[in-house]
Amino acid sequence: NILKTKGHPSIRQPLRDLDAAEAEADDIVMVRLKPHHSREAVLIVAGQ
């Protein structure tokens, strides 16, 4: 969330398809992408 809002432009823009990131438990994080997101959106998220 902080990278999407305050990160370098080269990070913020690729994270544009990130709709939400929430902790559902200590060991489970839920990432929701926007509909029609880019095919690599989840790889970008997982590599941050």
ModelCIF file with pLDDT and N, C-alpha, C, O atoms, coordinates in Angstrom:
data_MODEL
#
_entry.id   MODEL 
#
_entity.id                         1 
_entity.type                       polymer 
_entity.pdbx_number_of_molecules   1 
#
_entity_poly.entity_id                      1 
_entity_poly.type                           'polypeptide(L)' 
_entity_poly.nstd_linkage                   no 
_entity_poly.nstd_monomer                   no 
_entity_poly.pdbx_seq_one_letter_code       NILKTKGHPSIRQPLRDLDAAEAEADDIVMVRLKPHHSREAVLIVAGQ 
_entity_poly.pdbx_seq_one_letter_code_can   NILKTKGHPSIRQPLRDLDAAEAEADDIVMVRLKPHHSREAVLIVAGQ 
_entity_poly.pdbx_strand_id                 A 
#
loop_
_entity_poly_seq.entity_id 
_entity_poly_seq.num 
_entity_poly_seq.mon_id 
_entity_poly_seq.hetero 
1 1  ASN n 
1 2  ILE n 
1 3  LEU n 
1 4  LYS n 
1 5  THR n 
1 6  LYS n 
1 7  GLY n 
1 8  HIS n 
1 9  PRO n 
1 10 SER n 
1 11 ILE n 
1 12 ARG n 
1 13 GLN n 
1 14 PRO n 
1 15 LEU n 
1 16 ARG n 
1 17 ASP n 
1 18 LEU n 
1 19 ASP n 
1 20 ALA n 
1 21 ALA n 
1 22 GLU n 
1 23 ALA n 
1 24 GLU n 
1 25 ALA n 
1 26 ASP n 
1 27 ASP n 
1 28 ILE n 
1 29 VAL n 
1 30 MET n 
1 31 VAL n 
1 32 ARG n 
1 33 LEU n 
1 34 LYS n 
1 35 PRO n 
1 36 HIS n 
1 37 HIS n 
1 38 SER n 
1 39 ARG n 
1 40 GLU n 
1 41 ALA n 
1 42 VAL n 
1 43 LEU n 
1 44 ILE n 
1 45 VAL n 
1 46 ALA n 
1 47 GLY n 
1 48 GLN n 
#
_struct_asym.id          A 
_struct_asym.entity_id   1 
#
loop_
_ma_qa_metric.id 
_ma_qa_metric.mode 
_ma_qa_metric.name 
_ma_qa_metric.software_group_id 
_ma_qa_metric.type 
1 global pLDDT . pLDDT 
2 local  pLDDT . pLDDT 
#
_ma_qa_metric_global.metric_id      1 
_ma_qa_metric_global.metric_value   95.71 
_ma_qa_metric_global.model_id       1 
_ma_qa_metric_global.ordinal_id     1 
#
loop_
_ma_qa_metric_local.label_asym_id 
_ma_qa_metric_local.label_comp_id 
_ma_qa_metric_local.label_seq_id 
_ma_qa_metric_local.metric_id 
_ma_qa_metric_local.metric_value 
_ma_qa_metric_local.model_id 
_ma_qa_metric_local.ordinal_id 
A ASN 1  2 98.00 1 1  
A ILE 2  2 98.00 1 2  
A LEU 3  2 98.00 1 3  
A LYS 4  2 97.00 1 4  
A THR 5  2 97.00 1 5  
A LYS 6  2 97.00 1 6  
A GLY 7  2 96.00 1 7  
A HIS 8  2 95.00 1 8  
A PRO 9  2 92.00 1 9  
A SER 10 2 90.00 1 10 
A ILE 11 2 94.00 1 11 
A ARG 12 2 93.00 1 12 
A GLN 13 2 90.00 1 13 
A PRO 14 2 92.00 1 14 
A LEU 15 2 96.00 1 15 
A ARG 16 2 93.00 1 16 
A ASP 17 2 95.00 1 17 
A LEU 18 2 97.00 1 18 
A ASP 19 2 97.00 1 19 
A ALA 20 2 97.00 1 20 
A ALA 21 2 98.00 1 21 
A GLU 22 2 98.00 1 22 
A ALA 23 2 98.00 1 23 
A GLU 24 2 98.00 1 24 
A ALA 25 2 97.00 1 25 
A ASP 26 2 98.00 1 26 
A ASP 27 2 98.00 1 27 
A ILE 28 2 98.00 1 28 
A VAL 29 2 98.00 1 29 
A MET 30 2 98.00 1 30 
A VAL 31 2 98.00 1 31 
A ARG 32 2 98.00 1 32 
A LEU 33 2 97.00 1 33 
A LYS 34 2 96.00 1 34 
A PRO 35 2 94.00 1 35 
A HIS 36 2 90.00 1 36 
A HIS 37 2 92.00 1 37 
A SER 38 2 91.00 1 38 
A ARG 39 2 90.00 1 39 
A GLU 40 2 92.00 1 40 
A ALA 41 2 95.00 1 41 
A VAL 42 2 97.00 1 42 
A LEU 43 2 96.00 1 43 
A ILE 44 2 96.00 1 44 
A VAL 45 2 98.00 1 45 
A ALA 46 2 98.00 1 46 
A GLY 47 2 97.00 1 47 
A GLN 48 2 98.00 1 48 
#
loop_
_atom_site.group_PDB 
_atom_site.id 
_atom_site.type_symbol 
_atom_site.label_atom_id 
_atom_site.label_alt_id 
_atom_site.label_comp_id 
_atom_site.label_asym_id 
_atom_site.label_entity_id 
_atom_site.label_seq_id 
_atom_site.pdbx_PDB_ins_code 
_atom_site.Cartn_x 
_atom_site.Cartn_y 
_atom_site.Cartn_z 
_atom_site.occupancy 
_atom_site.B_iso_or_equiv 
_atom_site.pdbx_formal_charge 
_atom_site.auth_seq_id 
_atom_site.auth_comp_id 
_atom_site.auth_asym_id 
_atom_site.auth_atom_id 
_atom_site.pdbx_PDB_model_num 
ATOM 1   N N  . ASN A 1 1  ? 0.812   -1.213  0.000   1.00 98.00 ? 1  ASN A N  1 
ATOM 2   C CA . ASN A 1 1  ? 0.000   0.000   0.000   1.00 98.00 ? 1  ASN A CA 1 
ATOM 3   C C  . ASN A 1 1  ? 0.846   1.264   0.000   1.00 98.00 ? 1  ASN A C  1 
ATOM 4   O O  . ASN A 1 1  ? 0.503   2.240   -0.667  1.00 98.00 ? 1  ASN A O  1 
ATOM 5   N N  . ILE A 1 2  ? 1.956   1.256   0.747   1.00 98.00 ? 2  ILE A N  1 
ATOM 6   C CA . ILE A 1 2  ? 2.765   2.475   0.786   1.00 98.00 ? 2  ILE A CA 1 
ATOM 7   C C  . ILE A 1 2  ? 3.566   2.646   -0.495  1.00 98.00 ? 2  ILE A C  1 
ATOM 8   O O  . ILE A 1 2  ? 3.815   3.773   -0.922  1.00 98.00 ? 2  ILE A O  1 
ATOM 9   N N  . LEU A 1 3  ? 3.974   1.539   -1.113  1.00 98.00 ? 3  LEU A N  1 
ATOM 10  C CA . LEU A 1 3  ? 4.669   1.647   -2.399  1.00 98.00 ? 3  LEU A CA 1 
ATOM 11  C C  . LEU A 1 3  ? 3.728   2.178   -3.472  1.00 98.00 ? 3  LEU A C  1 
ATOM 12  O O  . LEU A 1 3  ? 4.145   2.938   -4.346  1.00 98.00 ? 3  LEU A O  1 
ATOM 13  N N  . LYS A 1 4  ? 2.468   1.782   -3.408  1.00 97.00 ? 4  LYS A N  1 
ATOM 14  C CA . LYS A 1 4  ? 1.504   2.247   -4.412  1.00 97.00 ? 4  LYS A CA 1 
ATOM 15  C C  . LYS A 1 4  ? 1.206   3.729   -4.260  1.00 97.00 ? 4  LYS A C  1 
ATOM 16  O O  . LYS A 1 4  ? 0.938   4.410   -5.250  1.00 97.00 ? 4  LYS A O  1 
ATOM 17  N N  . THR A 1 5  ? 1.249   4.240   -3.029  1.00 97.00 ? 5  THR A N  1 
ATOM 18  C CA . THR A 1 5  ? 0.889   5.641   -2.801  1.00 97.00 ? 5  THR A CA 1 
ATOM 19  C C  . THR A 1 5  ? 2.091   6.580   -2.742  1.00 97.00 ? 5  THR A C  1 
ATOM 20  O O  . THR A 1 5  ? 1.994   7.738   -3.149  1.00 97.00 ? 5  THR A O  1 
ATOM 21  N N  . LYS A 1 6  ? 3.236   6.083   -2.232  1.00 97.00 ? 6  LYS A N  1 
ATOM 22  C CA . LYS A 1 6  ? 4.371   6.978   -2.015  1.00 97.00 ? 6  LYS A CA 1 
ATOM 23  C C  . LYS A 1 6  ? 5.664   6.512   -2.674  1.00 97.00 ? 6  LYS A C  1 
ATOM 24  O O  . LYS A 1 6  ? 6.701   7.159   -2.525  1.00 97.00 ? 6  LYS A O  1 
ATOM 25  N N  . GLY A 1 7  ? 5.615   5.411   -3.392  1.00 96.00 ? 7  GLY A N  1 
ATOM 26  C CA . GLY A 1 7  ? 6.823   4.876   -3.997  1.00 96.00 ? 7  GLY A CA 1 
ATOM 27  C C  . GLY A 1 7  ? 7.289   5.670   -5.206  1.00 96.00 ? 7  GLY A C  1 
ATOM 28  O O  . GLY A 1 7  ? 6.600   6.576   -5.675  1.00 96.00 ? 7  GLY A O  1 
ATOM 29  N N  . HIS A 1 8  ? 8.461   5.322   -5.701  1.00 95.00 ? 8  HIS A N  1 
ATOM 30  C CA . HIS A 1 8  ? 8.995   5.940   -6.912  1.00 95.00 ? 8  HIS A CA 1 
ATOM 31  C C  . HIS A 1 8  ? 8.006   5.734   -8.055  1.00 95.00 ? 8  HIS A C  1 
ATOM 32  O O  . HIS A 1 8  ? 7.332   4.705   -8.103  1.00 95.00 ? 8  HIS A O  1 
ATOM 33  N N  . PRO A 1 9  ? 7.906   6.703   -8.985  1.00 92.00 ? 9  PRO A N  1 
ATOM 34  C CA . PRO A 1 9  ? 6.969   6.541   -10.112 1.00 92.00 ? 9  PRO A CA 1 
ATOM 35  C C  . PRO A 1 9  ? 7.134   5.226   -10.862 1.00 92.00 ? 9  PRO A C  1 
ATOM 36  O O  . PRO A 1 9  ? 6.153   4.668   -11.353 1.00 92.00 ? 9  PRO A O  1 
ATOM 37  N N  . SER A 1 10 ? 8.364   4.723   -10.956 1.00 90.00 ? 10 SER A N  1 
ATOM 38  C CA . SER A 1 10 ? 8.588   3.469   -11.668 1.00 90.00 ? 10 SER A CA 1 
ATOM 39  C C  . SER A 1 10 ? 8.037   2.275   -10.905 1.00 90.00 ? 10 SER A C  1 
ATOM 40  O O  . SER A 1 10 ? 7.936   1.181   -11.460 1.00 90.00 ? 10 SER A O  1 
ATOM 41  N N  . ILE A 1 11 ? 7.679   2.471   -9.639  1.00 94.00 ? 11 ILE A N  1 
ATOM 42  C CA . ILE A 1 11 ? 7.020   1.429   -8.841  1.00 94.00 ? 11 ILE A CA 1 
ATOM 43  C C  . ILE A 1 11 ? 5.520   1.682   -8.788  1.00 94.00 ? 11 ILE A C  1 
ATOM 44  O O  . ILE A 1 11 ? 4.723   0.757   -8.947  1.00 94.00 ? 11 ILE A O  1 
ATOM 45  N N  . ARG A 1 12 ? 5.139   2.930   -8.566  1.00 93.00 ? 12 ARG A N  1 
ATOM 46  C CA . ARG A 1 12 ? 3.718   3.262   -8.444  1.00 93.00 ? 12 ARG A CA 1 
ATOM 47  C C  . ARG A 1 12 ? 2.935   2.871   -9.693  1.00 93.00 ? 12 ARG A C  1 
ATOM 48  O O  . ARG A 1 12 ? 1.855   2.286   -9.603  1.00 93.00 ? 12 ARG A O  1 
ATOM 49  N N  . GLN A 1 13 ? 3.480   3.196   -10.841 1.00 90.00 ? 13 GLN A N  1 
ATOM 50  C CA . GLN A 1 13 ? 2.713   2.936   -12.056 1.00 90.00 ? 13 GLN A CA 1 
ATOM 51  C C  . GLN A 1 13 ? 2.470   1.451   -12.307 1.00 90.00 ? 13 GLN A C  1 
ATOM 52  O O  . GLN A 1 13 ? 1.345   1.076   -12.638 1.00 90.00 ? 13 GLN A O  1 
ATOM 53  N N  . PRO A 1 14 ? 3.487   0.584   -12.163 1.00 92.00 ? 14 PRO A N  1 
ATOM 54  C CA . PRO A 1 14 ? 3.203   -0.847  -12.335 1.00 92.00 ? 14 PRO A CA 1 
ATOM 55  C C  . PRO A 1 14 ? 2.223   -1.415  -11.317 1.00 92.00 ? 14 PRO A C  1 
ATOM 56  O O  . PRO A 1 14 ? 1.601   -2.448  -11.565 1.00 92.00 ? 14 PRO A O  1 
ATOM 57  N N  . LEU A 1 15 ? 2.079   -0.739  -10.153 1.00 96.00 ? 15 LEU A N  1 
ATOM 58  C CA . LEU A 1 15 ? 1.156   -1.216  -9.123  1.00 96.00 ? 15 LEU A CA 1 
ATOM 59  C C  . LEU A 1 15 ? -0.254  -0.649  -9.301  1.00 96.00 ? 15 LEU A C  1 
ATOM 60  O O  . LEU A 1 15 ? -1.095  -0.787  -8.412  1.00 96.00 ? 15 LEU A O  1 
ATOM 61  N N  . ARG A 1 16 ? -0.508  -0.025  -10.422 1.00 93.00 ? 16 ARG A N  1 
ATOM 62  C CA . ARG A 1 16 ? -1.803  0.624   -10.631 1.00 93.00 ? 16 ARG A CA 1 
ATOM 63  C C  . ARG A 1 16 ? -2.961  -0.371  -10.616 1.00 93.00 ? 16 ARG A C  1 
ATOM 64  O O  . ARG A 1 16 ? -4.089  0.001   -10.293 1.00 93.00 ? 16 ARG A O  1 
ATOM 65  N N  . ASP A 1 17 ? -2.694  -1.629  -10.962 1.00 95.00 ? 17 ASP A N  1 
ATOM 66  C CA . ASP A 1 17 ? -3.758  -2.636  -10.990 1.00 95.00 ? 17 ASP A CA 1 
ATOM 67  C C  . ASP A 1 17 ? -4.015  -3.267  -9.629  1.00 95.00 ? 17 ASP A C  1 
ATOM 68  O O  . ASP A 1 17 ? -4.908  -4.103  -9.493  1.00 95.00 ? 17 ASP A O  1 
ATOM 69  N N  . LEU A 1 18 ? -3.239  -2.874  -8.620  1.00 97.00 ? 18 LEU A N  1 
ATOM 70  C CA . LEU A 1 18 ? -3.475  -3.364  -7.264  1.00 97.00 ? 18 LEU A CA 1 
ATOM 71  C C  . LEU A 1 18 ? -4.680  -2.633  -6.668  1.00 97.00 ? 18 LEU A C  1 
ATOM 72  O O  . LEU A 1 18 ? -4.647  -1.415  -6.488  1.00 97.00 ? 18 LEU A O  1 
ATOM 73  N N  . ASP A 1 19 ? -5.733  -3.377  -6.367  1.00 97.00 ? 19 ASP A N  1 
ATOM 74  C CA . ASP A 1 19 ? -6.953  -2.770  -5.824  1.00 97.00 ? 19 ASP A CA 1 
ATOM 75  C C  . ASP A 1 19 ? -6.927  -2.758  -4.301  1.00 97.00 ? 19 ASP A C  1 
ATOM 76  O O  . ASP A 1 19 ? -7.354  -1.787  -3.675  1.00 97.00 ? 19 ASP A O  1 
ATOM 77  N N  . ALA A 1 20 ? -6.427  -3.835  -3.708  1.00 97.00 ? 20 ALA A N  1 
ATOM 78  C CA . ALA A 1 20 ? -6.378  -3.895  -2.241  1.00 97.00 ? 20 ALA A CA 1 
ATOM 79  C C  . ALA A 1 20 ? -5.364  -4.940  -1.813  1.00 97.00 ? 20 ALA A C  1 
ATOM 80  O O  . ALA A 1 20 ? -5.151  -5.944  -2.492  1.00 97.00 ? 20 ALA A O  1 
ATOM 81  N N  . ALA A 1 21 ? -4.740  -4.677  -0.665  1.00 98.00 ? 21 ALA A N  1 
ATOM 82  C CA . ALA A 1 21 ? -3.849  -5.639  -0.017  1.00 98.00 ? 21 ALA A CA 1 
ATOM 83  C C  . ALA A 1 21 ? -4.193  -5.621  1.467   1.00 98.00 ? 21 ALA A C  1 
ATOM 84  O O  . ALA A 1 21 ? -4.042  -4.594  2.128   1.00 98.00 ? 21 ALA A O  1 
ATOM 85  N N  . GLU A 1 22 ? -4.653  -6.750  1.993   1.00 98.00 ? 22 GLU A N  1 
ATOM 86  C CA . GLU A 1 22 ? -5.146  -6.790  3.365   1.00 98.00 ? 22 GLU A CA 1 
ATOM 87  C C  . GLU A 1 22 ? -4.649  -8.048  4.063   1.00 98.00 ? 22 GLU A C  1 
ATOM 88  O O  . GLU A 1 22 ? -4.525  -9.111  3.454   1.00 98.00 ? 22 GLU A O  1 
ATOM 89  N N  . ALA A 1 23 ? -4.367  -7.903  5.359   1.00 98.00 ? 23 ALA A N  1 
ATOM 90  C CA . ALA A 1 23 ? -3.980  -9.049  6.182   1.00 98.00 ? 23 ALA A CA 1 
ATOM 91  C C  . ALA A 1 23 ? -5.239  -9.725  6.697   1.00 98.00 ? 23 ALA A C  1 
ATOM 92  O O  . ALA A 1 23 ? -6.001  -9.129  7.459   1.00 98.00 ? 23 ALA A O  1 
ATOM 93  N N  . GLU A 1 24 ? -5.462  -10.978 6.282   1.00 98.00 ? 24 GLU A N  1 
ATOM 94  C CA . GLU A 1 24 ? -6.618  -11.731 6.764   1.00 98.00 ? 24 GLU A CA 1 
ATOM 95  C C  . GLU A 1 24 ? -6.267  -12.531 8.015   1.00 98.00 ? 24 GLU A C  1 
ATOM 96  O O  . GLU A 1 24 ? -7.143  -12.886 8.804   1.00 98.00 ? 24 GLU A O  1 
ATOM 97  N N  . ALA A 1 25 ? -4.995  -12.806 8.182   1.00 97.00 ? 25 ALA A N  1 
ATOM 98  C CA . ALA A 1 25 ? -4.461  -13.471 9.374   1.00 97.00 ? 25 ALA A CA 1 
ATOM 99  C C  . ALA A 1 25 ? -2.979  -13.142 9.410   1.00 97.00 ? 25 ALA A C  1 
ATOM 100 O O  . ALA A 1 25 ? -2.462  -12.544 8.467   1.00 97.00 ? 25 ALA A O  1 
ATOM 101 N N  . ASP A 1 26 ? -2.294  -13.514 10.463  1.00 98.00 ? 26 ASP A N  1 
ATOM 102 C CA . ASP A 1 26 ? -0.862  -13.214 10.533  1.00 98.00 ? 26 ASP A CA 1 
ATOM 103 C C  . ASP A 1 26 ? -0.103  -13.831 9.365   1.00 98.00 ? 26 ASP A C  1 
ATOM 104 O O  . ASP A 1 26 ? 0.905   -13.286 8.914   1.00 98.00 ? 26 ASP A O  1 
ATOM 105 N N  . ASP A 1 27 ? -0.591  -14.976 8.873   1.00 98.00 ? 27 ASP A N  1 
ATOM 106 C CA . ASP A 1 27 ? 0.122   -15.684 7.815   1.00 98.00 ? 27 ASP A CA 1 
ATOM 107 C C  . ASP A 1 27 ? -0.655  -15.748 6.506   1.00 98.00 ? 27 ASP A C  1 
ATOM 108 O O  . ASP A 1 27 ? -0.347  -16.575 5.648   1.00 98.00 ? 27 ASP A O  1 
ATOM 109 N N  . ILE A 1 28 ? -1.645  -14.898 6.339   1.00 98.00 ? 28 ILE A N  1 
ATOM 110 C CA . ILE A 1 28 ? -2.400  -14.852 5.075   1.00 98.00 ? 28 ILE A CA 1 
ATOM 111 C C  . ILE A 1 28 ? -2.601  -13.398 4.668   1.00 98.00 ? 28 ILE A C  1 
ATOM 112 O O  . ILE A 1 28 ? -3.209  -12.619 5.402   1.00 98.00 ? 28 ILE A O  1 
ATOM 113 N N  . VAL A 1 29 ? -2.089  -13.037 3.497   1.00 98.00 ? 29 VAL A N  1 
ATOM 114 C CA . VAL A 1 29 ? -2.343  -11.709 2.964   1.00 98.00 ? 29 VAL A CA 1 
ATOM 115 C C  . VAL A 1 29 ? -3.163  -11.861 1.689   1.00 98.00 ? 29 VAL A C  1 
ATOM 116 O O  . VAL A 1 29 ? -2.825  -12.644 0.800   1.00 98.00 ? 29 VAL A O  1 
ATOM 117 N N  . MET A 1 30 ? -4.239  -11.099 1.621   1.00 98.00 ? 30 MET A N  1 
ATOM 118 C CA . MET A 1 30 ? -5.117  -11.127 0.467   1.00 98.00 ? 30 MET A CA 1 
ATOM 119 C C  . MET A 1 30 ? -4.784  -9.973  -0.455  1.00 98.00 ? 30 MET A C  1 
ATOM 120 O O  . MET A 1 30 ? -4.750  -8.820  -0.026  1.00 98.00 ? 30 MET A O  1 
ATOM 121 N N  . VAL A 1 31 ? -4.542  -10.271 -1.706  1.00 98.00 ? 31 VAL A N  1 
ATOM 122 C CA . VAL A 1 31 ? -4.274  -9.259  -2.719  1.00 98.00 ? 31 VAL A CA 1 
ATOM 123 C C  . VAL A 1 31 ? -5.387  -9.325  -3.750  1.00 98.00 ? 31 VAL A C  1 
ATOM 124 O O  . VAL A 1 31 ? -5.622  -10.366 -4.364  1.00 98.00 ? 31 VAL A O  1 
ATOM 125 N N  . ARG A 1 32 ? -6.062  -8.216  -3.929  1.00 98.00 ? 32 ARG A N  1 
ATOM 126 C CA . ARG A 1 32 ? -7.126  -8.156  -4.932  1.00 98.00 ? 32 ARG A CA 1 
ATOM 127 C C  . ARG A 1 32 ? -6.701  -7.216  -6.054  1.00 98.00 ? 32 ARG A C  1 
ATOM 128 O O  . ARG A 1 32 ? -6.305  -6.078  -5.801  1.00 98.00 ? 32 ARG A O  1 
ATOM 129 N N  . LEU A 1 33 ? -6.782  -7.685  -7.267  1.00 97.00 ? 33 LEU A N  1 
ATOM 130 C CA . LEU A 1 33 ? -6.439  -6.893  -8.435  1.00 97.00 ? 33 LEU A CA 1 
ATOM 131 C C  . LEU A 1 33 ? -7.690  -6.362  -9.105  1.00 97.00 ? 33 LEU A C  1 
ATOM 132 O O  . LEU A 1 33 ? -8.767  -6.948  -8.986  1.00 97.00 ? 33 LEU A O  1 
ATOM 133 N N  . LYS A 1 34 ? -7.546  -5.268  -9.797  1.00 96.00 ? 34 LYS A N  1 
ATOM 134 C CA . LYS A 1 34 ? -8.670  -4.680  -10.503 1.00 96.00 ? 34 LYS A CA 1 
ATOM 135 C C  . LYS A 1 34 ? -9.097  -5.583  -11.662 1.00 96.00 ? 34 LYS A C  1 
ATOM 136 O O  . LYS A 1 34 ? -8.265  -6.278  -12.246 1.00 96.00 ? 34 LYS A O  1 
ATOM 137 N N  . PRO A 1 35 ? -10.381 -5.574  -11.994 1.00 94.00 ? 35 PRO A N  1 
ATOM 138 C CA . PRO A 1 35 ? -10.810 -6.350  -13.167 1.00 94.00 ? 35 PRO A CA 1 
ATOM 139 C C  . PRO A 1 35 ? -10.045 -5.905  -14.416 1.00 94.00 ? 35 PRO A C  1 
ATOM 140 O O  . PRO A 1 35 ? -9.715  -4.729  -14.569 1.00 94.00 ? 35 PRO A O  1 
ATOM 141 N N  . HIS A 1 36 ? -9.774  -6.845  -15.290 1.00 90.00 ? 36 HIS A N  1 
ATOM 142 C CA . HIS A 1 36 ? -9.045  -6.582  -16.542 1.00 90.00 ? 36 HIS A CA 1 
ATOM 143 C C  . HIS A 1 36 ? -7.618  -6.099  -16.282 1.00 90.00 ? 36 HIS A C  1 
ATOM 144 O O  . HIS A 1 36 ? -7.058  -5.331  -17.063 1.00 90.00 ? 36 HIS A O  1 
ATOM 145 N N  . HIS A 1 37 ? -7.047  -6.558  -15.182 1.00 92.00 ? 37 HIS A N  1 
ATOM 146 C CA . HIS A 1 37 ? -5.667  -6.183  -14.848 1.00 92.00 ? 37 HIS A CA 1 
ATOM 147 C C  . HIS A 1 37 ? -4.693  -6.802  -15.842 1.00 92.00 ? 37 HIS A C  1 
ATOM 148 O O  . HIS A 1 37 ? -5.032  -7.730  -16.577 1.00 92.00 ? 37 HIS A O  1 
ATOM 149 N N  . SER A 1 38 ? -3.470  -6.264  -15.846 1.00 91.00 ? 38 SER A N  1 
ATOM 150 C CA . SER A 1 38 ? -2.442  -6.810  -16.732 1.00 91.00 ? 38 SER A CA 1 
ATOM 151 C C  . SER A 1 38 ? -2.086  -8.222  -16.283 1.00 91.00 ? 38 SER A C  1 
ATOM 152 O O  . SER A 1 38 ? -2.223  -8.568  -15.109 1.00 91.00 ? 38 SER A O  1 
ATOM 153 N N  . ARG A 1 39 ? -1.633  -9.023  -17.226 1.00 90.00 ? 39 ARG A N  1 
ATOM 154 C CA . ARG A 1 39 ? -1.365  -10.430 -16.910 1.00 90.00 ? 39 ARG A CA 1 
ATOM 155 C C  . ARG A 1 39 ? -0.190  -10.581 -15.939 1.00 90.00 ? 39 ARG A C  1 
ATOM 156 O O  . ARG A 1 39 ? -0.084  -11.604 -15.262 1.00 90.00 ? 39 ARG A O  1 
ATOM 157 N N  . GLU A 1 40 ? 0.696   -9.577  -15.858 1.00 92.00 ? 40 GLU A N  1 
ATOM 158 C CA . GLU A 1 40 ? 1.841   -9.686  -14.955 1.00 92.00 ? 40 GLU A CA 1 
ATOM 159 C C  . GLU A 1 40 ? 1.624   -8.945  -13.647 1.00 92.00 ? 40 GLU A C  1 
ATOM 160 O O  . GLU A 1 40 ? 2.549   -8.837  -12.841 1.00 92.00 ? 40 GLU A O  1 
ATOM 161 N N  . ALA A 1 41 ? 0.422   -8.433  -13.419 1.00 95.00 ? 41 ALA A N  1 
ATOM 162 C CA . ALA A 1 41 ? 0.173   -7.619  -12.223 1.00 95.00 ? 41 ALA A CA 1 
ATOM 163 C C  . ALA A 1 41 ? 0.510   -8.369  -10.942 1.00 95.00 ? 41 ALA A C  1 
ATOM 164 O O  . ALA A 1 41 ? 1.118   -7.802  -10.034 1.00 95.00 ? 41 ALA A O  1 
ATOM 165 N N  . VAL A 1 42 ? 0.120   -9.642  -10.860 1.00 97.00 ? 42 VAL A N  1 
ATOM 166 C CA . VAL A 1 42 ? 0.385   -10.379 -9.623  1.00 97.00 ? 42 VAL A CA 1 
ATOM 167 C C  . VAL A 1 42 ? 1.870   -10.664 -9.458  1.00 97.00 ? 42 VAL A C  1 
ATOM 168 O O  . VAL A 1 42 ? 2.351   -10.728 -8.327  1.00 97.00 ? 42 VAL A O  1 
ATOM 169 N N  . LEU A 1 43 ? 2.616   -10.837 -10.551 1.00 96.00 ? 43 LEU A N  1 
ATOM 170 C CA . LEU A 1 43 ? 4.055   -11.047 -10.438 1.00 96.00 ? 43 LEU A CA 1 
ATOM 171 C C  . LEU A 1 43 ? 4.742   -9.783  -9.940  1.00 96.00 ? 43 LEU A C  1 
ATOM 172 O O  . LEU A 1 43 ? 5.699   -9.848  -9.168  1.00 96.00 ? 43 LEU A O  1 
ATOM 173 N N  . ILE A 1 44 ? 4.247   -8.634  -10.386 1.00 96.00 ? 44 ILE A N  1 
ATOM 174 C CA . ILE A 1 44 ? 4.796   -7.363  -9.908  1.00 96.00 ? 44 ILE A CA 1 
ATOM 175 C C  . ILE A 1 44 ? 4.557   -7.220  -8.405  1.00 96.00 ? 44 ILE A C  1 
ATOM 176 O O  . ILE A 1 44 ? 5.449   -6.810  -7.663  1.00 96.00 ? 44 ILE A O  1 
ATOM 177 N N  . VAL A 1 45 ? 3.361   -7.558  -7.970  1.00 98.00 ? 45 VAL A N  1 
ATOM 178 C CA . VAL A 1 45 ? 3.036   -7.502  -6.544  1.00 98.00 ? 45 VAL A CA 1 
ATOM 179 C C  . VAL A 1 45 ? 3.928   -8.451  -5.749  1.00 98.00 ? 45 VAL A C  1 
ATOM 180 O O  . VAL A 1 45 ? 4.492   -8.072  -4.723  1.00 98.00 ? 45 VAL A O  1 
ATOM 181 N N  . ALA A 1 46 ? 4.053   -9.686  -6.231  1.00 98.00 ? 46 ALA A N  1 
ATOM 182 C CA . ALA A 1 46 ? 4.789   -10.709 -5.489  1.00 98.00 ? 46 ALA A CA 1 
ATOM 183 C C  . ALA A 1 46 ? 6.289   -10.438 -5.440  1.00 98.00 ? 46 ALA A C  1 
ATOM 184 O O  . ALA A 1 46 ? 6.992   -11.024 -4.617  1.00 98.00 ? 46 ALA A O  1 
ATOM 185 N N  . GLY A 1 47 ? 6.785   -9.566  -6.302  1.00 97.00 ? 47 GLY A N  1 
ATOM 186 C CA . GLY A 1 47 ? 8.202   -9.258  -6.329  1.00 97.00 ? 47 GLY A CA 1 
ATOM 187 C C  . GLY A 1 47 ? 8.598   -8.004  -5.582  1.00 97.00 ? 47 GLY A C  1 
ATOM 188 O O  . GLY A 1 47 ? 9.775   -7.642  -5.567  1.00 97.00 ? 47 GLY A O  1 
ATOM 189 N N  . GLN A 1 48 ? 7.644   -7.333  -4.962  1.00 98.00 ? 48 GLN A N  1 
ATOM 190 C CA . GLN A 1 48 ? 7.950   -6.090  -4.254  1.00 98.00 ? 48 GLN A CA 1 
ATOM 191 C C  . GLN A 1 48 ? 8.647   -6.367  -2.918  1.00 98.00 ? 48 GLN A C  1 
ATOM 192 O O  . GLN A 1 48 ? 8.978   -5.431  -2.189  1.00 98.00 ? 48 GLN A O  1 
#
